[in-house]
Amino acid sequence: MANDFKKAVQSSIGTSGSMTSLYTVPGSKTSILIELDLCNKTNGSVQCTAILSHGGSTDINIVKNVPVPAGSTLKVISGQKIVAEAADVVKVYSSSASSVDAILSILEDVNS
């Protein structure tokens, strides 16, 4: 197995109460989530939530309803690492439509 550095990006997150899927771990692989940055590109504060959906039935909060001031970036995962297994999904939510850009850095296909 080769370790591959990847990124997942999504612009303009935040639509009427729904989570946006940012990254899904490929089948039969394990990934390390290295850093997740959420940038508020609006002129007002927003609240952001990021979850790891495990096995399609269990949603684990990474952060929940964290305020991100106007024009600021929140480092959700920085310094620590999160192990994600096959079919796990990282999802992001913002309280305001089209307000947040997200960048997730990943080390994919690690030996488990």
PDB file of N, CA and C in Angstrom:
ATOM      1  N   MET A   1       0.825  -1.189   0.000  1.00  0.00           N
ATOM      2  CA  MET A   1       0.000   0.000   0.000  1.00  0.00           C
ATOM      3  C   MET A   1       0.869   1.252   0.000  1.00  0.00           C
ATOM      4  N   ALA A   2       0.454   2.234  -0.748  1.00  0.00           N
ATOM      5  CA  ALA A   2       1.156   3.511  -0.785  1.00  0.00           C
ATOM      6  C   ALA A   2       0.388   4.539   0.024  1.00  0.00           C
ATOM      7  N   ASN A   3       1.119   5.340   0.785  1.00  0.00           N
ATOM      8  CA  ASN A   3       0.501   6.452   1.493  1.00  0.00           C
ATOM      9  C   ASN A   3       0.378   7.618   0.528  1.00  0.00           C
ATOM     10  N   ASP A   4      -0.821   8.151   0.389  1.00  0.00           N
ATOM     11  CA  ASP A   4      -1.060   9.240  -0.547  1.00  0.00           C
ATOM     12  C   ASP A   4      -1.606  10.447   0.195  1.00  0.00           C
ATOM     13  N   PHE A   5      -0.963  11.600  -0.002  1.00  0.00           N
ATOM     14  CA  PHE A   5      -1.508  12.837   0.538  1.00  0.00           C
ATOM     15  C   PHE A   5      -2.585  13.331  -0.409  1.00  0.00           C
ATOM     16  N   LYS A   6      -3.731  13.677   0.149  1.00  0.00           N
ATOM     17  CA  LYS A   6      -4.875  14.144  -0.639  1.00  0.00           C
ATOM     18  C   LYS A   6      -5.445  15.394   0.026  1.00  0.00           C
ATOM     19  N   LYS A   7      -6.302  16.064  -0.727  1.00  0.00           N
ATOM     20  CA  LYS A   7      -7.061  17.156  -0.143  1.00  0.00           C
ATOM     21  C   LYS A   7      -8.495  17.038  -0.626  1.00  0.00           C
ATOM     22  N   ALA A   8      -9.401  17.510   0.199  1.00  0.00           N
ATOM     23  CA  ALA A   8     -10.802  17.621  -0.182  1.00  0.00           C
ATOM     24  C   ALA A   8     -11.182  19.071   0.037  1.00  0.00           C
ATOM     25  N   VAL A   9     -11.776  19.686  -0.969  1.00  0.00           N
ATOM     26  CA  VAL A   9     -12.166  21.089  -0.861  1.00  0.00           C
ATOM     27  C   VAL A   9     -13.627  21.251  -1.269  1.00  0.00           C
ATOM     28  N   GLN A  10     -14.267  22.207  -0.641  1.00  0.00           N
ATOM     29  CA  GLN A  10     -15.651  22.528  -0.973  1.00  0.00           C
ATOM     30  C   GLN A  10     -15.865  24.003  -0.687  1.00  0.00           C
ATOM     31  N   SER A  11     -16.402  24.715  -1.666  1.00  0.00           N
ATOM     32  CA  SER A  11     -16.680  26.136  -1.452  1.00  0.00           C
ATOM     33  C   SER A  11     -18.162  26.352  -1.201  1.00  0.00           C
ATOM     34  N   SER A  12     -18.447  27.459  -0.562  1.00  0.00           N
ATOM     35  CA  SER A  12     -19.827  27.927  -0.351  1.00  0.00           C
ATOM     36  C   SER A  12     -20.714  26.931   0.382  1.00  0.00           C
ATOM     37  N   ILE A  13     -20.196  26.368   1.478  1.00  0.00           N
ATOM     38  CA  ILE A  13     -20.978  25.466   2.322  1.00  0.00           C
ATOM     39  C   ILE A  13     -21.979  26.283   3.122  1.00  0.00           C
ATOM     40  N   GLY A  14     -23.115  25.707   3.375  1.00  0.00           N
ATOM     41  CA  GLY A  14     -24.117  26.332   4.220  1.00  0.00           C
ATOM     42  C   GLY A  14     -25.426  26.499   3.492  1.00  0.00           C
ATOM     43  N   THR A  15     -26.271  25.497   3.550  1.00  0.00           N
ATOM     44  CA  THR A  15     -27.574  25.571   2.911  1.00  0.00           C
ATOM     45  C   THR A  15     -28.639  25.056   3.860  1.00  0.00           C
ATOM     46  N   SER A  16     -29.578  25.839   4.110  1.00  0.00           N
ATOM     47  CA  SER A  16     -30.786  25.545   4.913  1.00  0.00           C
ATOM     48  C   SER A  16     -30.784  24.223   5.680  1.00  0.00           C
ATOM     49  N   GLY A  17     -29.923  24.120   6.635  1.00  0.00           N
ATOM     50  CA  GLY A  17     -29.954  23.009   7.569  1.00  0.00           C
ATOM     51  C   GLY A  17     -29.345  21.691   7.145  1.00  0.00           C
ATOM     52  N   SER A  18     -28.725  21.604   5.980  1.00  0.00           N
ATOM     53  CA  SER A  18     -28.193  20.311   5.556  1.00  0.00           C
ATOM     54  C   SER A  18     -26.670  20.257   5.674  1.00  0.00           C
ATOM     55  N   MET A  19     -26.173  19.052   5.958  1.00  0.00           N
ATOM     56  CA  MET A  19     -24.736  18.820   6.035  1.00  0.00           C
ATOM     57  C   MET A  19     -24.201  18.618   4.621  1.00  0.00           C
ATOM     58  N   THR A  20     -22.963  19.086   4.386  1.00  0.00           N
ATOM     59  CA  THR A  20     -22.299  18.899   3.106  1.00  0.00           C
ATOM     60  C   THR A  20     -21.222  17.835   3.269  1.00  0.00           C
ATOM     61  N   SER A  21     -21.265  16.789   2.457  1.00  0.00           N
ATOM     62  CA  SER A  21     -20.228  15.754   2.500  1.00  0.00           C
ATOM     63  C   SER A  21     -18.958  16.317   1.876  1.00  0.00           C
ATOM     64  N   LEU A  22     -17.880  16.271   2.650  1.00  0.00           N
ATOM     65  CA  LEU A  22     -16.600  16.812   2.200  1.00  0.00           C
ATOM     66  C   LEU A  22     -15.666  15.711   1.707  1.00  0.00           C
ATOM     67  N   TYR A  23     -15.642  14.573   2.401  1.00  0.00           N
ATOM     68  CA  TYR A  23     -14.709  13.496   2.047  1.00  0.00           C
ATOM     69  C   TYR A  23     -15.269  12.163   2.523  1.00  0.00           C
ATOM     70  N   THR A  24     -15.163  11.157   1.659  1.00  0.00           N
ATOM     71  CA  THR A  24     -15.538   9.792   2.005  1.00  0.00           C
ATOM     72  C   THR A  24     -14.303   8.909   1.864  1.00  0.00           C
ATOM     73  N   VAL A  25     -13.987   8.159   2.910  1.00  0.00           N
ATOM     74  CA  VAL A  25     -12.844   7.249   2.856  1.00  0.00           C
ATOM     75  C   VAL A  25     -13.170   6.124   1.875  1.00  0.00           C
ATOM     76  N   PRO A  26     -12.285   5.890   0.905  1.00  0.00           N
ATOM     77  CA  PRO A  26     -12.542   4.823  -0.073  1.00  0.00           C
ATOM     78  C   PRO A  26     -12.650   3.451   0.596  1.00  0.00           C
ATOM     79  N   GLY A  27     -13.394   2.562  -0.041  1.00  0.00           N
ATOM     80  CA  GLY A  27     -13.570   1.209   0.480  1.00  0.00           C
ATOM     81  C   GLY A  27     -12.250   0.504   0.728  1.00  0.00           C
ATOM     82  N   SER A  28     -12.183  -0.257   1.770  1.00  0.00           N
ATOM     83  CA  SER A  28     -11.024  -1.045   2.196  1.00  0.00           C
ATOM     84  C   SER A  28      -9.763  -0.209   2.440  1.00  0.00           C
ATOM     85  N   LYS A  29      -9.927   1.069   2.768  1.00  0.00           N
ATOM     86  CA  LYS A  29      -8.774   1.917   3.090  1.00  0.00           C
ATOM     87  C   LYS A  29      -8.969   2.555   4.451  1.00  0.00           C
ATOM     88  N   THR A  30      -7.890   3.023   5.011  1.00  0.00           N
ATOM     89  CA  THR A  30      -7.900   3.810   6.237  1.00  0.00           C
ATOM     90  C   THR A  30      -7.205   5.121   5.925  1.00  0.00           C
ATOM     91  N   SER A  31      -7.751   6.206   6.442  1.00  0.00           N
ATOM     92  CA  SER A  31      -7.163   7.527   6.210  1.00  0.00           C
ATOM     93  C   SER A  31      -6.903   8.230   7.531  1.00  0.00           C
ATOM     94  N   ILE A  32      -5.937   9.121   7.511  1.00  0.00           N
ATOM     95  CA  ILE A  32      -5.651   9.986   8.650  1.00  0.00           C
ATOM     96  C   ILE A  32      -6.064  11.397   8.253  1.00  0.00           C
ATOM     97  N   LEU A  33      -6.970  11.992   9.025  1.00  0.00           N
ATOM     98  CA  LEU A  33      -7.381  13.375   8.795  1.00  0.00           C
ATOM     99  C   LEU A  33      -6.369  14.262   9.492  1.00  0.00           C
ATOM    100  N   ILE A  34      -5.651  15.063   8.716  1.00  0.00           N
ATOM    101  CA  ILE A  34      -4.527  15.846   9.235  1.00  0.00           C
ATOM    102  C   ILE A  34      -4.956  17.241   9.662  1.00  0.00           C
ATOM    103  N   GLU A  35      -5.717  17.931   8.813  1.00  0.00           N
ATOM    104  CA  GLU A  35      -6.149  19.287   9.148  1.00  0.00           C
ATOM    105  C   GLU A  35      -7.442  19.595   8.427  1.00  0.00           C
ATOM    106  N   LEU A  36      -8.345  20.267   9.129  1.00  0.00           N
ATOM    107  CA  LEU A  36      -9.589  20.748   8.546  1.00  0.00           C
ATOM    108  C   LEU A  36      -9.706  22.227   8.870  1.00  0.00           C
ATOM    109  N   ASP A  37      -9.771  23.055   7.825  1.00  0.00           N
ATOM    110  CA  ASP A  37      -9.921  24.501   7.985  1.00  0.00           C
ATOM    111  C   ASP A  37     -11.260  24.923   7.408  1.00  0.00           C
ATOM    112  N   LEU A  38     -11.988  25.761   8.159  1.00  0.00           N
ATOM    113  CA  LEU A  38     -13.257  26.311   7.710  1.00  0.00           C
ATOM    114  C   LEU A  38     -13.129  27.824   7.687  1.00  0.00           C
ATOM    115  N   CYS A  39     -13.331  28.421   6.514  1.00  0.00           N
ATOM    116  CA  CYS A  39     -13.169  29.860   6.334  1.00  0.00           C
ATOM    117  C   CYS A  39     -14.527  30.525   6.118  1.00  0.00           C
ATOM    118  N   ASN A  40     -14.861  31.449   6.997  1.00  0.00           N
ATOM    119  CA  ASN A  40     -16.091  32.220   6.868  1.00  0.00           C
ATOM    120  C   ASN A  40     -15.824  33.377   5.913  1.00  0.00           C
ATOM    121  N   LYS A  41     -16.454  33.342   4.752  1.00  0.00           N
ATOM    122  CA  LYS A  41     -16.196  34.365   3.749  1.00  0.00           C
ATOM    123  C   LYS A  41     -17.286  35.445   3.712  1.00  0.00           C
ATOM    124  N   THR A  42     -18.071  35.532   4.783  1.00  0.00           N
ATOM    125  CA  THR A  42     -19.134  36.532   4.840  1.00  0.00           C
ATOM    126  C   THR A  42     -18.750  37.689   5.763  1.00  0.00           C
ATOM    127  N   ASN A  43     -19.648  38.661   5.852  1.00  0.00           N
ATOM    128  CA  ASN A  43     -19.434  39.826   6.714  1.00  0.00           C
ATOM    129  C   ASN A  43     -20.059  39.657   8.096  1.00  0.00           C
ATOM    130  N   GLY A  44     -20.600  38.489   8.378  1.00  0.00           N
ATOM    131  CA  GLY A  44     -21.199  38.217   9.683  1.00  0.00           C
ATOM    132  C   GLY A  44     -20.706  36.901  10.240  1.00  0.00           C
ATOM    133  N   SER A  45     -20.860  36.730  11.552  1.00  0.00           N
ATOM    134  CA  SER A  45     -20.461  35.489  12.209  1.00  0.00           C
ATOM    135  C   SER A  45     -21.390  34.349  11.785  1.00  0.00           C
ATOM    136  N   VAL A  46     -20.830  33.139  11.670  1.00  0.00           N
ATOM    137  CA  VAL A  46     -21.619  31.934  11.385  1.00  0.00           C
ATOM    138  C   VAL A  46     -21.268  30.876  12.426  1.00  0.00           C
ATOM    139  N   GLN A  47     -22.134  29.882  12.544  1.00  0.00           N
ATOM    140  CA  GLN A  47     -21.839  28.743  13.406  1.00  0.00           C
ATOM    141  C   GLN A  47     -21.587  27.531  12.521  1.00  0.00           C
ATOM    142  N   CYS A  48     -20.513  26.797  12.840  1.00  0.00           N
ATOM    143  CA  CYS A  48     -20.129  25.634  12.029  1.00  0.00           C
ATOM    144  C   CYS A  48     -20.125  24.365  12.856  1.00  0.00           C
ATOM    145  N   THR A  49     -20.457  23.280  12.181  1.00  0.00           N
ATOM    146  CA  THR A  49     -20.403  21.943  12.760  1.00  0.00           C
ATOM    147  C   THR A  49     -19.653  21.052  11.779  1.00  0.00           C
ATOM    148  N   ALA A  50     -18.798  20.177  12.304  1.00  0.00           N
ATOM    149  CA  ALA A  50     -18.122  19.172  11.489  1.00  0.00           C
ATOM    150  C   ALA A  50     -18.297  17.832  12.191  1.00  0.00           C
ATOM    151  N   ILE A  51     -18.653  16.810  11.411  1.00  0.00           N
ATOM    152  CA  ILE A  51     -18.868  15.480  11.980  1.00  0.00           C
ATOM    153  C   ILE A  51     -18.104  14.424  11.187  1.00  0.00           C
ATOM    154  N   LEU A  52     -17.881  13.305  11.851  1.00  0.00           N
ATOM    155  CA  LEU A  52     -17.389  12.098  11.190  1.00  0.00           C
ATOM    156  C   LEU A  52     -18.531  11.099  11.270  1.00  0.00           C
ATOM    157  N   SER A  53     -19.103  10.760  10.107  1.00  0.00           N
ATOM    158  CA  SER A  53     -20.183   9.798  10.046  1.00  0.00           C
ATOM    159  C   SER A  53     -19.561   8.412   9.878  1.00  0.00           C
ATOM    160  N   HIS A  54     -19.729   7.578  10.889  1.00  0.00           N
ATOM    161  CA  HIS A  54     -19.077   6.264  10.924  1.00  0.00           C
ATOM    162  C   HIS A  54     -20.103   5.167  10.661  1.00  0.00           C
ATOM    163  N   GLY A  55     -19.851   4.389   9.646  1.00  0.00           N
ATOM    164  CA  GLY A  55     -20.703   3.252   9.353  1.00  0.00           C
ATOM    165  C   GLY A  55     -22.093   3.617   8.854  1.00  0.00           C
ATOM    166  N   GLY A  56     -22.288   4.873   8.501  1.00  0.00           N
ATOM    167  CA  GLY A  56     -23.573   5.301   7.978  1.00  0.00           C
ATOM    168  C   GLY A  56     -24.665   5.473   9.013  1.00  0.00           C
ATOM    169  N   SER A  57     -24.376   5.118  10.266  1.00  0.00           N
ATOM    170  CA  SER A  57     -25.426   5.204  11.286  1.00  0.00           C
ATOM    171  C   SER A  57     -25.020   5.979  12.531  1.00  0.00           C
ATOM    172  N   THR A  58     -23.743   6.251  12.695  1.00  0.00           N
ATOM    173  CA  THR A  58     -23.275   6.950  13.882  1.00  0.00           C
ATOM    174  C   THR A  58     -22.557   8.225  13.480  1.00  0.00           C
ATOM    175  N   ASP A  59     -23.100   9.367  13.875  1.00  0.00           N
ATOM    176  CA  ASP A  59     -22.465  10.652  13.607  1.00  0.00           C
ATOM    177  C   ASP A  59     -21.755  11.131  14.864  1.00  0.00           C
ATOM    178  N   ILE A  60     -20.449  11.355  14.739  1.00  0.00           N
ATOM    179  CA  ILE A  60     -19.623  11.804  15.853  1.00  0.00           C
ATOM    180  C   ILE A  60     -19.226  13.255  15.589  1.00  0.00           C
ATOM    181  N   ASN A  61     -19.545  14.154  16.530  1.00  0.00           N
ATOM    182  CA  ASN A  61     -19.180  15.558  16.370  1.00  0.00           C
ATOM    183  C   ASN A  61     -17.683  15.756  16.545  1.00  0.00           C
ATOM    184  N   ILE A  62     -17.085  16.438  15.595  1.00  0.00           N
ATOM    185  CA  ILE A  62     -15.700  16.901  15.743  1.00  0.00           C
ATOM    186  C   ILE A  62     -15.745  18.265  16.415  1.00  0.00           C
ATOM    187  N   VAL A  63     -16.596  19.150  15.896  1.00  0.00           N
ATOM    188  CA  VAL A  63     -16.976  20.405  16.560  1.00  0.00           C
ATOM    189  C   VAL A  63     -18.463  20.606  16.308  1.00  0.00           C
ATOM    190  N   LYS A  64     -19.128  21.301  17.231  1.00  0.00           N
ATOM    191  CA  LYS A  64     -20.568  21.510  17.071  1.00  0.00           C
ATOM    192  C   LYS A  64     -20.929  22.949  17.386  1.00  0.00           C
ATOM    193  N   ASN A  65     -21.567  23.594  16.405  1.00  0.00           N
ATOM    194  CA  ASN A  65     -22.068  24.966  16.556  1.00  0.00           C
ATOM    195  C   ASN A  65     -21.014  25.941  17.065  1.00  0.00           C
ATOM    196  N   VAL A  66     -19.815  25.838  16.516  1.00  0.00           N
ATOM    197  CA  VAL A  66     -18.710  26.724  16.905  1.00  0.00           C
ATOM    198  C   VAL A  66     -18.819  28.027  16.109  1.00  0.00           C
ATOM    199  N   PRO A  67     -18.788  29.175  16.801  1.00  0.00           N
ATOM    200  CA  PRO A  67     -18.861  30.447  16.070  1.00  0.00           C
ATOM    201  C   PRO A  67     -17.568  30.726  15.310  1.00  0.00           C
ATOM    202  N   VAL A  68     -17.709  31.161  14.066  1.00  0.00           N
ATOM    203  CA  VAL A  68     -16.571  31.579  13.261  1.00  0.00           C
ATOM    204  C   VAL A  68     -16.836  33.030  12.861  1.00  0.00           C
ATOM    205  N   PRO A  69     -16.035  33.961  13.384  1.00  0.00           N
ATOM    206  CA  PRO A  69     -16.261  35.381  13.086  1.00  0.00           C
ATOM    207  C   PRO A  69     -16.110  35.693  11.595  1.00  0.00           C
ATOM    208  N   ALA A  70     -16.691  36.787  11.183  1.00  0.00           N
ATOM    209  CA  ALA A  70     -16.622  37.243   9.792  1.00  0.00           C
ATOM    210  C   ALA A  70     -15.177  37.302   9.318  1.00  0.00           C
ATOM    211  N   GLY A  71     -14.932  36.768   8.135  1.00  0.00           N
ATOM    212  CA  GLY A  71     -13.606  36.832   7.523  1.00  0.00           C
ATOM    213  C   GLY A  71     -12.529  36.029   8.225  1.00  0.00           C
ATOM    214  N   SER A  72     -12.901  35.098   9.104  1.00  0.00           N
ATOM    215  CA  SER A  72     -11.926  34.318   9.876  1.00  0.00           C
ATOM    216  C   SER A  72     -11.896  32.866   9.429  1.00  0.00           C
ATOM    217  N   THR A  73     -10.807  32.189   9.809  1.00  0.00           N
ATOM    218  CA  THR A  73     -10.674  30.770   9.533  1.00  0.00           C
ATOM    219  C   THR A  73     -10.544  30.011  10.850  1.00  0.00           C
ATOM    220  N   LEU A  74     -11.313  28.941  10.974  1.00  0.00           N
ATOM    221  CA  LEU A  74     -11.260  28.065  12.136  1.00  0.00           C
ATOM    222  C   LEU A  74     -10.478  26.822  11.766  1.00  0.00           C
ATOM    223  N   LYS A  75      -9.425  26.522  12.530  1.00  0.00           N
ATOM    224  CA  LYS A  75      -8.677  25.281  12.355  1.00  0.00           C
ATOM    225  C   LYS A  75      -9.342  24.234  13.242  1.00  0.00           C
ATOM    226  N   VAL A  76     -10.172  23.407  12.622  1.00  0.00           N
ATOM    227  CA  VAL A  76     -10.941  22.414  13.364  1.00  0.00           C
ATOM    228  C   VAL A  76     -10.049  21.256  13.786  1.00  0.00           C
ATOM    229  N   ILE A  77      -9.272  20.737  12.865  1.00  0.00           N
ATOM    230  CA  ILE A  77      -8.296  19.687  13.164  1.00  0.00           C
ATOM    231  C   ILE A  77      -6.937  20.308  12.890  1.00  0.00           C
ATOM    232  N   SER A  78      -6.152  20.486  13.935  1.00  0.00           N
ATOM    233  CA  SER A  78      -4.831  21.074  13.776  1.00  0.00           C
ATOM    234  C   SER A  78      -3.951  20.587  14.918  1.00  0.00           C
ATOM    235  N   GLY A  79      -2.917  19.860  14.594  1.00  0.00           N
ATOM    236  CA  GLY A  79      -2.032  19.337  15.630  1.00  0.00           C
ATOM    237  C   GLY A  79      -2.347  17.902  16.009  1.00  0.00           C
ATOM    238  N   GLN A  80      -3.623  17.575  16.157  1.00  0.00           N
ATOM    239  CA  GLN A  80      -4.004  16.198  16.436  1.00  0.00           C
ATOM    240  C   GLN A  80      -4.374  15.521  15.123  1.00  0.00           C
ATOM    241  N   LYS A  81      -4.578  14.243  15.152  1.00  0.00           N
ATOM    242  CA  LYS A  81      -4.955  13.483  13.960  1.00  0.00           C
ATOM    243  C   LYS A  81      -6.201  12.677  14.288  1.00  0.00           C
ATOM    244  N   ILE A  82      -7.011  12.419  13.265  1.00  0.00           N
ATOM    245  CA  ILE A  82      -8.198  11.579  13.431  1.00  0.00           C
ATOM    246  C   ILE A  82      -8.104  10.439  12.428  1.00  0.00           C
ATOM    247  N   VAL A  83      -8.258   9.214  12.909  1.00  0.00           N
ATOM    248  CA  VAL A  83      -8.249   8.042  12.039  1.00  0.00           C
ATOM    249  C   VAL A  83      -9.670   7.831  11.512  1.00  0.00           C
ATOM    250  N   ALA A  84      -9.788   7.684  10.202  1.00  0.00           N
ATOM    251  CA  ALA A  84     -11.077   7.433   9.569  1.00  0.00           C
ATOM    252  C   ALA A  84     -10.978   6.131   8.781  1.00  0.00           C
ATOM    253  N   GLU A  85     -11.996   5.294   8.918  1.00  0.00           N
ATOM    254  CA  GLU A  85     -11.987   3.978   8.284  1.00  0.00           C
ATOM    255  C   GLU A  85     -12.852   3.960   7.023  1.00  0.00           C
ATOM    256  N   ALA A  86     -12.761   2.870   6.288  1.00  0.00           N
ATOM    257  CA  ALA A  86     -13.501   2.720   5.030  1.00  0.00           C
ATOM    258  C   ALA A  86     -14.955   3.142   5.183  1.00  0.00           C
ATOM    259  N   ALA A  87     -15.415   3.957   4.242  1.00  0.00           N
ATOM    260  CA  ALA A  87     -16.792   4.449   4.137  1.00  0.00           C
ATOM    261  C   ALA A  87     -17.161   5.523   5.162  1.00  0.00           C
ATOM    262  N   ASP A  88     -16.237   5.895   6.061  1.00  0.00           N
ATOM    263  CA  ASP A  88     -16.500   7.030   6.943  1.00  0.00           C
ATOM    264  C   ASP A  88     -16.609   8.293   6.092  1.00  0.00           C
ATOM    265  N   VAL A  89     -17.446   9.233   6.526  1.00  0.00           N
ATOM    266  CA  VAL A  89     -17.660  10.464   5.773  1.00  0.00           C
ATOM    267  C   VAL A  89     -17.462  11.661   6.692  1.00  0.00           C
ATOM    268  N   VAL A  90     -16.683  12.639   6.223  1.00  0.00           N
ATOM    269  CA  VAL A  90     -16.547  13.917   6.928  1.00  0.00           C
ATOM    270  C   VAL A  90     -17.580  14.857   6.328  1.00  0.00           C
ATOM    271  N   LYS A  91     -18.413  15.429   7.202  1.00  0.00           N
ATOM    272  CA  LYS A  91     -19.463  16.344   6.760  1.00  0.00           C
ATOM    273  C   LYS A  91     -19.332  17.669   7.505  1.00  0.00           C
ATOM    274  N   VAL A  92     -19.720  18.751   6.820  1.00  0.00           N
ATOM    275  CA  VAL A  92     -19.602  20.092   7.388  1.00  0.00           C
ATOM    276  C   VAL A  92     -20.924  20.830   7.203  1.00  0.00           C
ATOM    277  N   TYR A  93     -21.235  21.696   8.169  1.00  0.00           N
ATOM    278  CA  TYR A  93     -22.450  22.507   8.129  1.00  0.00           C
ATOM    279  C   TYR A  93     -22.114  23.935   8.543  1.00  0.00           C
ATOM    280  N   SER A  94     -22.754  24.892   7.914  1.00  0.00           N
ATOM    281  CA  SER A  94     -22.679  26.288   8.336  1.00  0.00           C
ATOM    282  C   SER A  94     -24.095  26.820   8.474  1.00  0.00           C
ATOM    283  N   SER A  95     -24.292  27.723   9.431  1.00  0.00           N
ATOM    284  CA  SER A  95     -25.616  28.258   9.725  1.00  0.00           C
ATOM    285  C   SER A  95     -26.115  29.263   8.697  1.00  0.00           C
ATOM    286  N   SER A  96     -25.255  29.679   7.786  1.00  0.00           N
ATOM    287  CA  SER A  96     -25.644  30.668   6.785  1.00  0.00           C
ATOM    288  C   SER A  96     -25.325  30.147   5.385  1.00  0.00           C
ATOM    289  N   ALA A  97     -26.243  30.351   4.465  1.00  0.00           N
ATOM    290  CA  ALA A  97     -26.086  29.833   3.106  1.00  0.00           C
ATOM    291  C   ALA A  97     -24.835  30.368   2.417  1.00  0.00           C
ATOM    292  N   SER A  98     -24.133  29.480   1.735  1.00  0.00           N
ATOM    293  CA  SER A  98     -22.958  29.814   0.899  1.00  0.00           C
ATOM    294  C   SER A  98     -21.920  30.650   1.633  1.00  0.00           C
ATOM    295  N   SER A  99     -21.658  30.315   2.884  1.00  0.00           N
ATOM    296  CA  SER A  99     -20.824  31.172   3.730  1.00  0.00           C
ATOM    297  C   SER A  99     -19.427  30.654   4.024  1.00  0.00           C
ATOM    298  N   VAL A 100     -19.203  29.353   3.893  1.00  0.00           N
ATOM    299  CA  VAL A 100     -17.949  28.757   4.372  1.00  0.00           C
ATOM    300  C   VAL A 100     -17.262  27.948   3.274  1.00  0.00           C
ATOM    301  N   ASP A 101     -15.948  28.126   3.168  1.00  0.00           N
ATOM    302  CA  ASP A 101     -15.100  27.276   2.339  1.00  0.00           C
ATOM    303  C   ASP A 101     -14.366  26.314   3.262  1.00  0.00           C
ATOM    304  N   ALA A 102     -14.211  25.063   2.836  1.00  0.00           N
ATOM    305  CA  ALA A 102     -13.556  24.039   3.657  1.00  0.00           C
ATOM    306  C   ALA A 102     -12.409  23.397   2.899  1.00  0.00           C
ATOM    307  N   ILE A 103     -11.318  23.150   3.639  1.00  0.00           N
ATOM    308  CA  ILE A 103     -10.168  22.424   3.098  1.00  0.00           C
ATOM    309  C   ILE A 103      -9.783  21.353   4.117  1.00  0.00           C
ATOM    310  N   LEU A 104      -9.748  20.106   3.662  1.00  0.00           N
ATOM    311  CA  LEU A 104      -9.366  18.980   4.505  1.00  0.00           C
ATOM    312  C   LEU A 104      -8.119  18.339   3.926  1.00  0.00           C
ATOM    313  N   SER A 105      -7.076  18.206   4.736  1.00  0.00           N
ATOM    314  CA  SER A 105      -5.840  17.522   4.327  1.00  0.00           C
ATOM    315  C   SER A 105      -5.891  16.098   4.872  1.00  0.00           C
ATOM    316  N   ILE A 106      -5.522  15.144   4.016  1.00  0.00           N
ATOM    317  CA  ILE A 106      -5.697  13.728   4.333  1.00  0.00           C
ATOM    318  C   ILE A 106      -4.461  12.930   3.957  1.00  0.00           C
ATOM    319  N   LEU A 107      -4.105  11.970   4.784  1.00  0.00           N
ATOM    320  CA  LEU A 107      -3.141  10.952   4.416  1.00  0.00           C
ATOM    321  C   LEU A 107      -3.967   9.686   4.200  1.00  0.00           C
ATOM    322  N   GLU A 108      -4.062   9.255   2.946  1.00  0.00           N
ATOM    323  CA  GLU A 108      -4.962   8.174   2.562  1.00  0.00           C
ATOM    324  C   GLU A 108      -4.207   6.872   2.304  1.00  0.00           C
ATOM    325  N   ASP A 109      -4.893   5.777   2.561  1.00  0.00           N
ATOM    326  CA  ASP A 109      -4.368   4.433   2.298  1.00  0.00           C
ATOM    327  C   ASP A 109      -3.200   4.093   3.214  1.00  0.00           C
ATOM    328  N   VAL A 110      -3.392   4.378   4.500  1.00  0.00           N
ATOM    329  CA  VAL A 110      -2.343   4.060   5.479  1.00  0.00           C
ATOM    330  C   VAL A 110      -2.498   2.612   5.929  1.00  0.00           C
ATOM    331  N   ASN A 111      -1.429   2.040   6.416  1.00  0.00           N
ATOM    332  CA  ASN A 111      -1.477   0.678   6.934  1.00  0.00           C
ATOM    333  C   ASN A 111      -2.241   0.677   8.245  1.00  0.00           C
ATOM    334  N   SER A 112      -3.187  -0.229   8.356  1.00  0.00           N
ATOM    335  CA  SER A 112      -3.963  -0.281   9.598  1.00  0.00           C
ATOM    336  C   SER A 112      -3.639  -1.515  10.390  1.00  0.00           C
TER     337      SER A 112
END
